[in-house]
Amino acid sequence: MAHLDLDPDETLHVLVPSRAIGAAVEALSPRVRAHRIEASDGPPTGDAALAQVWVPRSGGAALPGREFFDALPHLRLVQLLSAGAEAFAGKLPEGVHLCNARGAHTPSTAEWAVAAMLAALRGIPSFVREQDAGRWSPATHGSLVGARVLVVGAGDIGRAIGRMLQGFDVELTYVARTARDGVRSTDELPQLLPHADVVVLIVPVTAGTRGMVDASFLAAMKDGALLVNAARGVVVDTDALLAELVAGRLRAALDVTDPEPLPGGHLLWSAPGLLLTPHVGGAVPATNERAAAAVTDQVRRVLEGRPLGNVVGDY
């Protein structure tokens, strides 16, 4: 198990992205000193260079240059405010642990996935466009009730999506890299995809998931099926998805894209059958509170000499 192993009287210096998180960690013990810093500000100096813990900002946090880490000889832990860790995993200096904020985005991201399914299946985007145009345009669309839903990713968020779907009497199937009780293997996707009305993506970015939703994956989906991406844009081959949307064979609801942010003039903006949101699945007020709580819990673990929580391995 991963530990930081501080001396009992050693000061714990923590680089934080906000005053609120700094105040929260300093309130834990007089041994904690918080230093507000952004990686974009350049390498830390003064007491900030003594930091053993760095908390990057949420929302697009990226790996800084080597000079940033060279200025932090005592760094032992990078604590993320997000669940996704692909920008950092396997790329930190030797001896630096990486932990994520697993669970902080779970309720809100699961809620977005269910909201996107409902909106896309019931035709809400087209009704909103008709409302903007001042047209009364009745139409019959699909339904989530009784649908066959394939959730690709059986972690925290995938399970939360499943719980939220219980009231819709869906036929739910989980898929993960490794089969286990109640979870099918990704090796079975070619047999599962043709029967799913909705396919939800909620996998981490790994070598195995990057580009996994390619032309053959999409071709295996049934006509009229809905693809919901609440994971990361790079999980889906954008050109392959565009071809299916333009052909009118599949529909999609995306909170993430590749590239991201989506540039002006990109064909996804005008793709038929697409509900698109700008990576806001986890963006509700309580998410920041849950992420900050993950940081304070981790700092408390360090102070008490307990194992670190939510340690991320190499992707």
C-alpha atoms as a PDB file:
ATOM      1  CA  MET A   1       0.000   0.000   0.000  1.00  0.00           C
ATOM      2  CA  ALA A   2       1.200   3.504  -0.833  1.00  0.00           C
ATOM      3  CA  HIS A   3       2.176   5.824   2.031  1.00  0.00           C
ATOM      4  CA  LEU A   4       3.903   9.201   2.282  1.00  0.00           C
ATOM      5  CA  ASP A   5       5.636   8.379   5.606  1.00  0.00           C
ATOM      6  CA  LEU A   6       6.145  11.859   7.045  1.00  0.00           C
ATOM      7  CA  ASP A   7       8.070  12.384  10.264  1.00  0.00           C
ATOM      8  CA  PRO A   8       5.631  13.114  13.153  1.00  0.00           C
ATOM      9  CA  ASP A   9       6.723  16.758  13.410  1.00  0.00           C
ATOM     10  CA  GLU A  10       7.331  17.367   9.704  1.00  0.00           C
ATOM     11  CA  THR A  11       5.419  20.218   8.062  1.00  0.00           C
ATOM     12  CA  LEU A  12       3.244  19.092   5.171  1.00  0.00           C
ATOM     13  CA  HIS A  13       3.405  21.600   2.323  1.00  0.00           C
ATOM     14  CA  VAL A  14       0.517  21.347  -0.159  1.00  0.00           C
ATOM     15  CA  LEU A  15       0.229  23.167  -3.480  1.00  0.00           C
ATOM     16  CA  VAL A  16      -3.454  23.991  -4.016  1.00  0.00           C
ATOM     17  CA  PRO A  17      -5.448  25.569  -6.876  1.00  0.00           C
ATOM     18  CA  SER A  18      -7.818  27.631  -4.713  1.00  0.00           C
ATOM     19  CA  ARG A  19      -8.044  29.478  -1.410  1.00  0.00           C
ATOM     20  CA  ALA A  20     -10.991  27.304  -0.370  1.00  0.00           C
ATOM     21  CA  ILE A  21      -9.037  24.066  -0.688  1.00  0.00           C
ATOM     22  CA  GLY A  22      -6.048  25.700   0.986  1.00  0.00           C
ATOM     23  CA  ALA A  23      -8.154  26.763   3.964  1.00  0.00           C
ATOM     24  CA  ALA A  24      -9.711  23.292   4.199  1.00  0.00           C
ATOM     25  CA  VAL A  25      -6.382  21.443   4.357  1.00  0.00           C
ATOM     26  CA  GLU A  26      -4.800  23.947   6.746  1.00  0.00           C
ATOM     27  CA  ALA A  27      -7.768  23.526   9.090  1.00  0.00           C
ATOM     28  CA  LEU A  28      -6.832  19.859   9.512  1.00  0.00           C
ATOM     29  CA  SER A  29      -3.628  20.545  11.444  1.00  0.00           C
ATOM     30  CA  PRO A  30      -1.119  23.276  12.253  1.00  0.00           C
ATOM     31  CA  ARG A  31       1.414  21.035  10.509  1.00  0.00           C
ATOM     32  CA  VAL A  32      -0.181  21.799   7.118  1.00  0.00           C
ATOM     33  CA  ARG A  33       0.829  24.788   5.015  1.00  0.00           C
ATOM     34  CA  ALA A  34      -1.018  25.455   1.790  1.00  0.00           C
ATOM     35  CA  HIS A  35       0.463  27.374  -1.141  1.00  0.00           C
ATOM     36  CA  ARG A  36      -1.854  28.528  -3.903  1.00  0.00           C
ATOM     37  CA  ILE A  37      -0.166  28.017  -7.238  1.00  0.00           C
ATOM     38  CA  GLU A  38      -0.944  27.246 -10.879  1.00  0.00           C
ATOM     39  CA  ALA A  39       1.420  25.174 -12.995  1.00  0.00           C
ATOM     40  CA  SER A  40       1.083  27.852 -15.671  1.00  0.00           C
ATOM     41  CA  ASP A  41       2.688  30.326 -13.241  1.00  0.00           C
ATOM     42  CA  GLY A  42       6.011  28.563 -13.673  1.00  0.00           C
ATOM     43  CA  PRO A  43       8.120  26.468 -11.272  1.00  0.00           C
ATOM     44  CA  PRO A  44       7.345  26.928  -7.551  1.00  0.00           C
ATOM     45  CA  THR A  45       9.747  29.009  -5.493  1.00  0.00           C
ATOM     46  CA  GLY A  46      10.339  29.737  -1.807  1.00  0.00           C
ATOM     47  CA  ASP A  47       8.419  27.600   0.685  1.00  0.00           C
ATOM     48  CA  ALA A  48       6.154  26.353  -2.097  1.00  0.00           C
ATOM     49  CA  ALA A  49       9.150  24.443  -3.474  1.00  0.00           C
ATOM     50  CA  LEU A  50       9.082  22.336  -0.272  1.00  0.00           C
ATOM     51  CA  ALA A  51       5.731  20.821  -1.243  1.00  0.00           C
ATOM     52  CA  GLN A  52       5.218  17.091  -0.823  1.00  0.00           C
ATOM     53  CA  VAL A  53       1.689  17.250  -2.277  1.00  0.00           C
ATOM     54  CA  TRP A  54       0.378  18.979  -5.398  1.00  0.00           C
ATOM     55  CA  VAL A  55      -3.314  19.388  -6.184  1.00  0.00           C
ATOM     56  CA  PRO A  56      -3.676  20.494  -9.838  1.00  0.00           C
ATOM     57  CA  ARG A  57      -6.677  22.576 -10.805  1.00  0.00           C
ATOM     58  CA  SER A  58      -9.785  20.807 -12.023  1.00  0.00           C
ATOM     59  CA  GLY A  59     -11.155  21.127 -15.540  1.00  0.00           C
ATOM     60  CA  GLY A  60      -8.477  20.545 -18.120  1.00  0.00           C
ATOM     61  CA  ALA A  61      -5.554  20.072 -15.740  1.00  0.00           C
ATOM     62  CA  ALA A  62      -2.518  19.127 -17.806  1.00  0.00           C
ATOM     63  CA  LEU A  63       0.931  17.776 -17.096  1.00  0.00           C
ATOM     64  CA  PRO A  64       3.408  20.656 -16.732  1.00  0.00           C
ATOM     65  CA  GLY A  65       6.943  20.687 -18.095  1.00  0.00           C
ATOM     66  CA  ARG A  66       9.880  18.941 -16.460  1.00  0.00           C
ATOM     67  CA  GLU A  67      11.130  22.198 -14.925  1.00  0.00           C
ATOM     68  CA  PHE A  68       8.014  22.313 -12.739  1.00  0.00           C
ATOM     69  CA  PHE A  69       8.839  18.948 -11.181  1.00  0.00           C
ATOM     70  CA  ASP A  70      12.552  19.748 -10.992  1.00  0.00           C
ATOM     71  CA  ALA A  71      11.607  22.642  -8.695  1.00  0.00           C
ATOM     72  CA  LEU A  72       9.804  20.221  -6.327  1.00  0.00           C
ATOM     73  CA  PRO A  73      12.463  17.813  -5.001  1.00  0.00           C
ATOM     74  CA  HIS A  74      10.233  16.708  -2.093  1.00  0.00           C
ATOM     75  CA  LEU A  75       7.099  15.996  -4.145  1.00  0.00           C
ATOM     76  CA  ARG A  76       5.598  12.619  -3.273  1.00  0.00           C
ATOM     77  CA  LEU A  77       1.929  12.874  -4.253  1.00  0.00           C
ATOM     78  CA  VAL A  78      -0.195  14.398  -7.018  1.00  0.00           C
ATOM     79  CA  GLN A  79      -3.826  14.457  -5.896  1.00  0.00           C
ATOM     80  CA  LEU A  80      -6.258  15.101  -8.736  1.00  0.00           C
ATOM     81  CA  LEU A  81      -9.664  16.739  -8.435  1.00  0.00           C
ATOM     82  CA  SER A  82     -10.996  14.528 -11.215  1.00  0.00           C
ATOM     83  CA  ALA A  83     -11.557  10.828 -11.721  1.00  0.00           C
ATOM     84  CA  GLY A  84      -9.856  10.844 -15.123  1.00  0.00           C
ATOM     85  CA  ALA A  85      -6.090  10.580 -14.757  1.00  0.00           C
ATOM     86  CA  GLU A  86      -4.885   9.899 -18.296  1.00  0.00           C
ATOM     87  CA  ALA A  87      -2.950  13.184 -18.540  1.00  0.00           C
ATOM     88  CA  PHE A  88      -0.776  12.181 -15.570  1.00  0.00           C
ATOM     89  CA  ALA A  89      -0.725   8.389 -15.302  1.00  0.00           C
ATOM     90  CA  GLY A  90       2.678   6.888 -16.025  1.00  0.00           C
ATOM     91  CA  LYS A  91       4.191  10.347 -16.627  1.00  0.00           C
ATOM     92  CA  LEU A  92       5.183  11.533 -13.143  1.00  0.00           C
ATOM     93  CA  PRO A  93       8.727  11.489 -11.761  1.00  0.00           C
ATOM     94  CA  GLU A  94       9.830   8.304 -10.061  1.00  0.00           C
ATOM     95  CA  GLY A  95       8.590   8.032  -6.494  1.00  0.00           C
ATOM     96  CA  VAL A  96       5.599  10.355  -6.980  1.00  0.00           C
ATOM     97  CA  HIS A  97       2.233   8.723  -6.321  1.00  0.00           C
ATOM     98  CA  LEU A  98      -0.865   9.641  -8.335  1.00  0.00           C
ATOM     99  CA  CYS A  99      -4.341   9.611  -6.786  1.00  0.00           C
ATOM    100  CA  ASN A 100      -7.674  10.685  -8.252  1.00  0.00           C
ATOM    101  CA  ALA A 101     -10.932  11.990  -6.804  1.00  0.00           C
ATOM    102  CA  ARG A 102     -12.873   8.805  -7.479  1.00  0.00           C
ATOM    103  CA  GLY A 103     -16.535   9.360  -6.647  1.00  0.00           C
ATOM    104  CA  ALA A 104     -16.522  13.152  -6.727  1.00  0.00           C
ATOM    105  CA  HIS A 105     -18.066  13.255 -10.204  1.00  0.00           C
ATOM    106  CA  THR A 106     -20.072  10.043  -9.931  1.00  0.00           C
ATOM    107  CA  PRO A 107     -23.616  11.316  -9.190  1.00  0.00           C
ATOM    108  CA  SER A 108     -23.497  14.253 -11.597  1.00  0.00           C
ATOM    109  CA  THR A 109     -21.937  12.349 -14.497  1.00  0.00           C
ATOM    110  CA  ALA A 110     -24.399   9.484 -14.078  1.00  0.00           C
ATOM    111  CA  GLU A 111     -27.221  12.019 -13.979  1.00  0.00           C
ATOM    112  CA  TRP A 112     -25.980  13.600 -17.226  1.00  0.00           C
ATOM    113  CA  ALA A 113     -25.892  10.195 -18.920  1.00  0.00           C
ATOM    114  CA  VAL A 114     -29.483   9.446 -17.951  1.00  0.00           C
ATOM    115  CA  ALA A 115     -30.630  12.972 -18.873  1.00  0.00           C
ATOM    116  CA  ALA A 116     -28.923  12.670 -22.255  1.00  0.00           C
ATOM    117  CA  MET A 117     -30.556   9.303 -22.914  1.00  0.00           C
ATOM    118  CA  LEU A 118     -33.998  10.655 -22.079  1.00  0.00           C
ATOM    119  CA  ALA A 119     -33.555  13.851 -24.087  1.00  0.00           C
ATOM    120  CA  ALA A 120     -32.169  12.122 -27.163  1.00  0.00           C
ATOM    121  CA  LEU A 121     -34.644   9.250 -27.160  1.00  0.00           C
ATOM    122  CA  ARG A 122     -37.692  11.482 -26.603  1.00  0.00           C
ATOM    123  CA  GLY A 123     -36.600  14.006 -29.257  1.00  0.00           C
ATOM    124  CA  ILE A 124     -36.206  16.946 -26.868  1.00  0.00           C
ATOM    125  CA  PRO A 125     -33.467  18.667 -28.951  1.00  0.00           C
ATOM    126  CA  SER A 126     -35.714  18.792 -32.036  1.00  0.00           C
ATOM    127  CA  PHE A 127     -38.633  20.099 -29.977  1.00  0.00           C
ATOM    128  CA  VAL A 128     -36.409  22.857 -28.553  1.00  0.00           C
ATOM    129  CA  ARG A 129     -35.390  23.876 -32.064  1.00  0.00           C
ATOM    130  CA  GLU A 130     -39.052  23.975 -33.088  1.00  0.00           C
ATOM    131  CA  GLN A 131     -39.845  26.081 -30.022  1.00  0.00           C
ATOM    132  CA  ASP A 132     -37.093  28.550 -30.982  1.00  0.00           C
ATOM    133  CA  ALA A 133     -38.637  28.762 -34.462  1.00  0.00           C
ATOM    134  CA  GLY A 134     -42.135  29.249 -33.062  1.00  0.00           C
ATOM    135  CA  ARG A 135     -43.488  26.082 -34.650  1.00  0.00           C
ATOM    136  CA  TRP A 136     -45.937  23.588 -33.095  1.00  0.00           C
ATOM    137  CA  SER A 137     -44.571  20.295 -34.479  1.00  0.00           C
ATOM    138  CA  PRO A 138     -45.962  17.144 -32.865  1.00  0.00           C
ATOM    139  CA  ALA A 139     -43.888  14.032 -33.479  1.00  0.00           C
ATOM    140  CA  THR A 140     -43.427  10.576 -31.980  1.00  0.00           C
ATOM    141  CA  HIS A 141     -39.951   9.600 -30.820  1.00  0.00           C
ATOM    142  CA  GLY A 142     -38.468   6.683 -28.901  1.00  0.00           C
ATOM    143  CA  SER A 143     -38.546   5.812 -25.218  1.00  0.00           C
ATOM    144  CA  LEU A 144     -36.100   4.766 -22.529  1.00  0.00           C
ATOM    145  CA  VAL A 145     -38.692   2.591 -20.800  1.00  0.00           C
ATOM    146  CA  GLY A 146     -37.981  -1.044 -21.587  1.00  0.00           C
ATOM    147  CA  ALA A 147     -34.900  -0.259 -23.688  1.00  0.00           C
ATOM    148  CA  ARG A 148     -31.896  -2.567 -23.888  1.00  0.00           C
ATOM    149  CA  VAL A 149     -29.011  -0.556 -22.422  1.00  0.00           C
ATOM    150  CA  LEU A 150     -25.379  -1.613 -22.689  1.00  0.00           C
ATOM    151  CA  VAL A 151     -23.103   0.181 -20.206  1.00  0.00           C
ATOM    152  CA  VAL A 152     -19.466  -0.140 -21.255  1.00  0.00           C
ATOM    153  CA  GLY A 153     -17.612   0.460 -18.005  1.00  0.00           C
ATOM    154  CA  ALA A 154     -18.637  -1.127 -14.718  1.00  0.00           C
ATOM    155  CA  GLY A 155     -16.921   1.216 -12.295  1.00  0.00           C
ATOM    156  CA  ASP A 156     -18.382   3.771  -9.900  1.00  0.00           C
ATOM    157  CA  ILE A 157     -20.139   5.882 -12.518  1.00  0.00           C
ATOM    158  CA  GLY A 158     -21.341   2.935 -14.582  1.00  0.00           C
ATOM    159  CA  ARG A 159     -22.917   1.389 -11.507  1.00  0.00           C
ATOM    160  CA  ALA A 160     -24.545   4.714 -10.594  1.00  0.00           C
ATOM    161  CA  ILE A 161     -26.032   4.928 -14.095  1.00  0.00           C
ATOM    162  CA  GLY A 162     -27.445   1.446 -13.603  1.00  0.00           C
ATOM    163  CA  ARG A 163     -29.057   2.388 -10.295  1.00  0.00           C
ATOM    164  CA  MET A 164     -30.626   5.500 -11.812  1.00  0.00           C
ATOM    165  CA  LEU A 165     -32.040   3.444 -14.685  1.00  0.00           C
ATOM    166  CA  GLN A 166     -33.835   0.973 -12.419  1.00  0.00           C
ATOM    167  CA  GLY A 167     -37.076   2.941 -12.557  1.00  0.00           C
ATOM    168  CA  PHE A 168     -37.211   2.703 -16.342  1.00  0.00           C
ATOM    169  CA  ASP A 169     -37.456  -1.098 -16.509  1.00  0.00           C
ATOM    170  CA  VAL A 170     -34.498  -1.278 -18.872  1.00  0.00           C
ATOM    171  CA  GLU A 171     -32.711  -4.475 -19.794  1.00  0.00           C
ATOM    172  CA  LEU A 172     -29.267  -3.561 -18.470  1.00  0.00           C
ATOM    173  CA  THR A 173     -25.971  -5.210 -19.374  1.00  0.00           C
ATOM    174  CA  TYR A 174     -22.580  -4.174 -17.981  1.00  0.00           C
ATOM    175  CA  VAL A 175     -19.385  -4.666 -19.950  1.00  0.00           C
ATOM    176  CA  ALA A 176     -15.822  -4.346 -18.655  1.00  0.00           C
ATOM    177  CA  ARG A 177     -12.360  -5.440 -19.691  1.00  0.00           C
ATOM    178  CA  THR A 178     -12.617  -8.557 -17.549  1.00  0.00           C
ATOM    179  CA  ALA A 179     -15.791 -10.614 -17.123  1.00  0.00           C
ATOM    180  CA  ARG A 180     -17.047 -11.204 -13.596  1.00  0.00           C
ATOM    181  CA  ASP A 181     -20.333 -11.859 -11.837  1.00  0.00           C
ATOM    182  CA  GLY A 182     -22.960  -9.701 -13.548  1.00  0.00           C
ATOM    183  CA  VAL A 183     -20.433  -8.163 -15.972  1.00  0.00           C
ATOM    184  CA  ARG A 184     -19.671  -9.296 -19.513  1.00  0.00           C
ATOM    185  CA  SER A 185     -16.244  -9.012 -21.131  1.00  0.00           C
ATOM    186  CA  THR A 186     -15.393  -6.468 -23.826  1.00  0.00           C
ATOM    187  CA  ASP A 187     -14.464  -9.486 -25.952  1.00  0.00           C
ATOM    188  CA  GLU A 188     -18.211 -10.144 -26.155  1.00  0.00           C
ATOM    189  CA  LEU A 189     -19.071  -6.707 -27.578  1.00  0.00           C
ATOM    190  CA  PRO A 190     -19.477  -7.953 -31.173  1.00  0.00           C
ATOM    191  CA  GLN A 191     -22.266 -10.239 -29.940  1.00  0.00           C
ATOM    192  CA  LEU A 192     -23.836  -7.692 -27.561  1.00  0.00           C
ATOM    193  CA  LEU A 193     -23.857  -4.524 -29.679  1.00  0.00           C
ATOM    194  CA  PRO A 194     -26.420  -5.652 -32.300  1.00  0.00           C
ATOM    195  CA  HIS A 195     -29.069  -6.046 -29.573  1.00  0.00           C
ATOM    196  CA  ALA A 196     -28.569  -2.763 -27.668  1.00  0.00           C
ATOM    197  CA  ASP A 197     -30.893   0.208 -28.097  1.00  0.00           C
ATOM    198  CA  VAL A 198     -28.502   2.413 -26.108  1.00  0.00           C
ATOM    199  CA  VAL A 199     -24.729   2.043 -25.664  1.00  0.00           C
ATOM    200  CA  VAL A 200     -23.224   4.114 -22.849  1.00  0.00           C
ATOM    201  CA  LEU A 201     -19.462   4.692 -22.695  1.00  0.00           C
ATOM    202  CA  ILE A 202     -18.006   5.334 -19.253  1.00  0.00           C
ATOM    203  CA  VAL A 203     -14.507   3.857 -19.431  1.00  0.00           C
ATOM    204  CA  PRO A 204     -11.153   5.365 -18.434  1.00  0.00           C
ATOM    205  CA  VAL A 205      -8.712   6.297 -21.172  1.00  0.00           C
ATOM    206  CA  THR A 206      -6.198   3.477 -21.510  1.00  0.00           C
ATOM    207  CA  ALA A 207      -4.254   1.948 -24.356  1.00  0.00           C
ATOM    208  CA  GLY A 208      -7.131  -0.495 -24.726  1.00  0.00           C
ATOM    209  CA  THR A 209      -9.969   2.047 -24.736  1.00  0.00           C
ATOM    210  CA  ARG A 210      -8.418   4.808 -26.841  1.00  0.00           C
ATOM    211  CA  GLY A 211     -10.235   4.566 -30.184  1.00  0.00           C
ATOM    212  CA  MET A 212     -12.141   1.443 -29.136  1.00  0.00           C
ATOM    213  CA  VAL A 213     -15.366   2.797 -30.675  1.00  0.00           C
ATOM    214  CA  ASP A 214     -14.172   2.555 -34.247  1.00  0.00           C
ATOM    215  CA  ALA A 215     -15.944   1.869 -37.513  1.00  0.00           C
ATOM    216  CA  SER A 216     -16.365  -1.838 -36.769  1.00  0.00           C
ATOM    217  CA  PHE A 217     -17.747  -1.145 -33.272  1.00  0.00           C
ATOM    218  CA  LEU A 218     -20.281   1.306 -34.700  1.00  0.00           C
ATOM    219  CA  ALA A 219     -21.173  -0.973 -37.602  1.00  0.00           C
ATOM    220  CA  ALA A 220     -22.086  -3.682 -35.081  1.00  0.00           C
ATOM    221  CA  MET A 221     -24.666  -1.411 -33.424  1.00  0.00           C
ATOM    222  CA  LYS A 222     -28.277  -1.849 -34.510  1.00  0.00           C
ATOM    223  CA  ASP A 223     -29.961   0.643 -36.823  1.00  0.00           C
ATOM    224  CA  GLY A 224     -31.349   3.597 -34.879  1.00  0.00           C
ATOM    225  CA  ALA A 225     -29.327   2.860 -31.729  1.00  0.00           C
ATOM    226  CA  LEU A 226     -28.075   5.677 -29.501  1.00  0.00           C
ATOM    227  CA  LEU A 227     -24.409   6.068 -28.515  1.00  0.00           C
ATOM    228  CA  VAL A 228     -23.851   8.023 -25.285  1.00  0.00           C
ATOM    229  CA  ASN A 229     -20.291   9.110 -24.506  1.00  0.00           C
ATOM    230  CA  ALA A 230     -19.744  10.224 -20.920  1.00  0.00           C
ATOM    231  CA  ALA A 231     -16.125   9.045 -20.919  1.00  0.00           C
ATOM    232  CA  ARG A 232     -13.553  10.894 -23.033  1.00  0.00           C
ATOM    233  CA  GLY A 233     -13.639  11.987 -26.649  1.00  0.00           C
ATOM    234  CA  VAL A 234     -10.637   9.874 -27.661  1.00  0.00           C
ATOM    235  CA  VAL A 235     -12.571   6.691 -26.877  1.00  0.00           C
ATOM    236  CA  VAL A 236     -14.560   7.291 -30.097  1.00  0.00           C
ATOM    237  CA  ASP A 237     -13.278   7.567 -33.659  1.00  0.00           C
ATOM    238  CA  THR A 238     -14.870  10.909 -34.580  1.00  0.00           C
ATOM    239  CA  ASP A 239     -14.751  10.380 -38.348  1.00  0.00           C
ATOM    240  CA  ALA A 240     -16.357   6.945 -38.033  1.00  0.00           C
ATOM    241  CA  LEU A 241     -19.126   8.334 -35.836  1.00  0.00           C
ATOM    242  CA  LEU A 242     -19.721  11.250 -38.201  1.00  0.00           C
ATOM    243  CA  ALA A 243     -20.176   8.829 -41.084  1.00  0.00           C
ATOM    244  CA  GLU A 244     -22.877   6.948 -39.161  1.00  0.00           C
ATOM    245  CA  LEU A 245     -24.646  10.155 -38.077  1.00  0.00           C
ATOM    246  CA  VAL A 246     -24.630  11.664 -41.559  1.00  0.00           C
ATOM    247  CA  ALA A 247     -26.003   8.406 -42.950  1.00  0.00           C
ATOM    248  CA  GLY A 248     -28.795   8.630 -40.368  1.00  0.00           C
ATOM    249  CA  ARG A 249     -28.182   5.084 -39.153  1.00  0.00           C
ATOM    250  CA  LEU A 250     -27.125   5.932 -35.586  1.00  0.00           C
ATOM    251  CA  ARG A 251     -27.771   8.718 -33.099  1.00  0.00           C
ATOM    252  CA  ALA A 252     -25.439  10.029 -30.408  1.00  0.00           C
ATOM    253  CA  ALA A 253     -25.290  12.087 -27.233  1.00  0.00           C
ATOM    254  CA  LEU A 254     -21.798  13.390 -26.483  1.00  0.00           C
ATOM    255  CA  ASP A 255     -20.466  15.326 -23.527  1.00  0.00           C
ATOM    256  CA  VAL A 256     -16.907  14.873 -24.782  1.00  0.00           C
ATOM    257  CA  THR A 257     -15.338  15.109 -28.229  1.00  0.00           C
ATOM    258  CA  ASP A 258     -12.105  14.542 -30.094  1.00  0.00           C
ATOM    259  CA  PRO A 259     -10.842  17.190 -30.618  1.00  0.00           C
ATOM    260  CA  GLU A 260     -11.872  19.082 -27.498  1.00  0.00           C
ATOM    261  CA  PRO A 261     -12.860  21.848 -27.217  1.00  0.00           C
ATOM    262  CA  LEU A 262     -14.676  21.324 -30.502  1.00  0.00           C
ATOM    263  CA  PRO A 263     -13.437  24.003 -32.924  1.00  0.00           C
ATOM    264  CA  GLY A 264     -15.777  26.254 -34.846  1.00  0.00           C
ATOM    265  CA  GLY A 265     -16.841  24.837 -38.177  1.00  0.00           C
ATOM    266  CA  HIS A 266     -16.275  21.224 -37.144  1.00  0.00           C
ATOM    267  CA  LEU A 267     -18.733  18.850 -38.794  1.00  0.00           C
ATOM    268  CA  LEU A 268     -19.991  17.557 -35.436  1.00  0.00           C
ATOM    269  CA  TRP A 269     -21.715  20.896 -34.823  1.00  0.00           C
ATOM    270  CA  SER A 270     -24.161  20.240 -37.633  1.00  0.00           C
ATOM    271  CA  ALA A 271     -24.285  16.439 -37.536  1.00  0.00           C
ATOM    272  CA  PRO A 272     -27.858  15.079 -37.636  1.00  0.00           C
ATOM    273  CA  GLY A 273     -29.089  13.030 -34.713  1.00  0.00           C
ATOM    274  CA  LEU A 274     -26.514  14.454 -32.295  1.00  0.00           C
ATOM    275  CA  LEU A 275     -27.076  15.933 -28.828  1.00  0.00           C
ATOM    276  CA  LEU A 276     -23.888  17.738 -27.808  1.00  0.00           C
ATOM    277  CA  THR A 277     -22.876  19.301 -24.485  1.00  0.00           C
ATOM    278  CA  PRO A 278     -19.478  20.948 -23.743  1.00  0.00           C
ATOM    279  CA  HIS A 279     -17.963  18.493 -21.214  1.00  0.00           C
ATOM    280  CA  VAL A 280     -20.281  19.532 -18.393  1.00  0.00           C
ATOM    281  CA  GLY A 281     -21.408  16.089 -17.227  1.00  0.00           C
ATOM    282  CA  GLY A 282     -19.781  16.505 -13.823  1.00  0.00           C
ATOM    283  CA  ALA A 283     -20.392  20.236 -13.535  1.00  0.00           C
ATOM    284  CA  VAL A 284     -22.846  20.733 -10.691  1.00  0.00           C
ATOM    285  CA  PRO A 285     -22.211  22.806  -7.541  1.00  0.00           C
ATOM    286  CA  ALA A 286     -21.812  19.772  -5.274  1.00  0.00           C
ATOM    287  CA  THR A 287     -19.003  18.336  -7.413  1.00  0.00           C
ATOM    288  CA  ASN A 288     -16.511  20.946  -6.201  1.00  0.00           C
ATOM    289  CA  GLU A 289     -17.426  20.163  -2.621  1.00  0.00           C
ATOM    290  CA  ARG A 290     -16.969  16.423  -3.162  1.00  0.00           C
ATOM    291  CA  ALA A 291     -13.619  16.970  -4.915  1.00  0.00           C
ATOM    292  CA  ALA A 292     -12.395  19.219  -2.094  1.00  0.00           C
ATOM    293  CA  ALA A 293     -13.494  16.566   0.395  1.00  0.00           C
ATOM    294  CA  ALA A 294     -11.367  14.015  -1.483  1.00  0.00           C
ATOM    295  CA  VAL A 295      -8.347  16.291  -1.033  1.00  0.00           C
ATOM    296  CA  THR A 296      -8.911  16.839   2.677  1.00  0.00           C
ATOM    297  CA  ASP A 297      -9.459  13.130   3.219  1.00  0.00           C
ATOM    298  CA  GLN A 298      -6.179  12.382   1.456  1.00  0.00           C
ATOM    299  CA  VAL A 299      -4.256  14.974   3.476  1.00  0.00           C
ATOM    300  CA  ARG A 300      -5.778  13.546   6.651  1.00  0.00           C
ATOM    301  CA  ARG A 301      -4.547  10.093   5.626  1.00  0.00           C
ATOM    302  CA  VAL A 302      -1.044  11.486   5.151  1.00  0.00           C
ATOM    303  CA  LEU A 303      -1.051  13.196   8.527  1.00  0.00           C
ATOM    304  CA  GLU A 304      -2.250  10.026  10.249  1.00  0.00           C
ATOM    305  CA  GLY A 305       0.205   7.763   8.449  1.00  0.00           C
ATOM    306  CA  ARG A 306      -2.546   5.755   6.774  1.00  0.00           C
ATOM    307  CA  PRO A 307      -2.387   4.333   3.235  1.00  0.00           C
ATOM    308  CA  LEU A 308      -3.287   6.704   0.417  1.00  0.00           C
ATOM    309  CA  GLY A 309      -6.735   6.371  -1.104  1.00  0.00           C
ATOM    310  CA  ASN A 310      -7.667   6.124  -4.797  1.00  0.00           C
ATOM    311  CA  VAL A 311      -4.157   5.380  -6.000  1.00  0.00           C
ATOM    312  CA  VAL A 312      -3.973   5.303  -9.798  1.00  0.00           C
ATOM    313  CA  GLY A 313      -1.770   2.764 -11.540  1.00  0.00           C
ATOM    314  CA  ASP A 314      -0.117   3.183 -14.923  1.00  0.00           C
ATOM    315  CA  TYR A 315      -2.668   3.264 -17.754  1.00  0.00           C
END
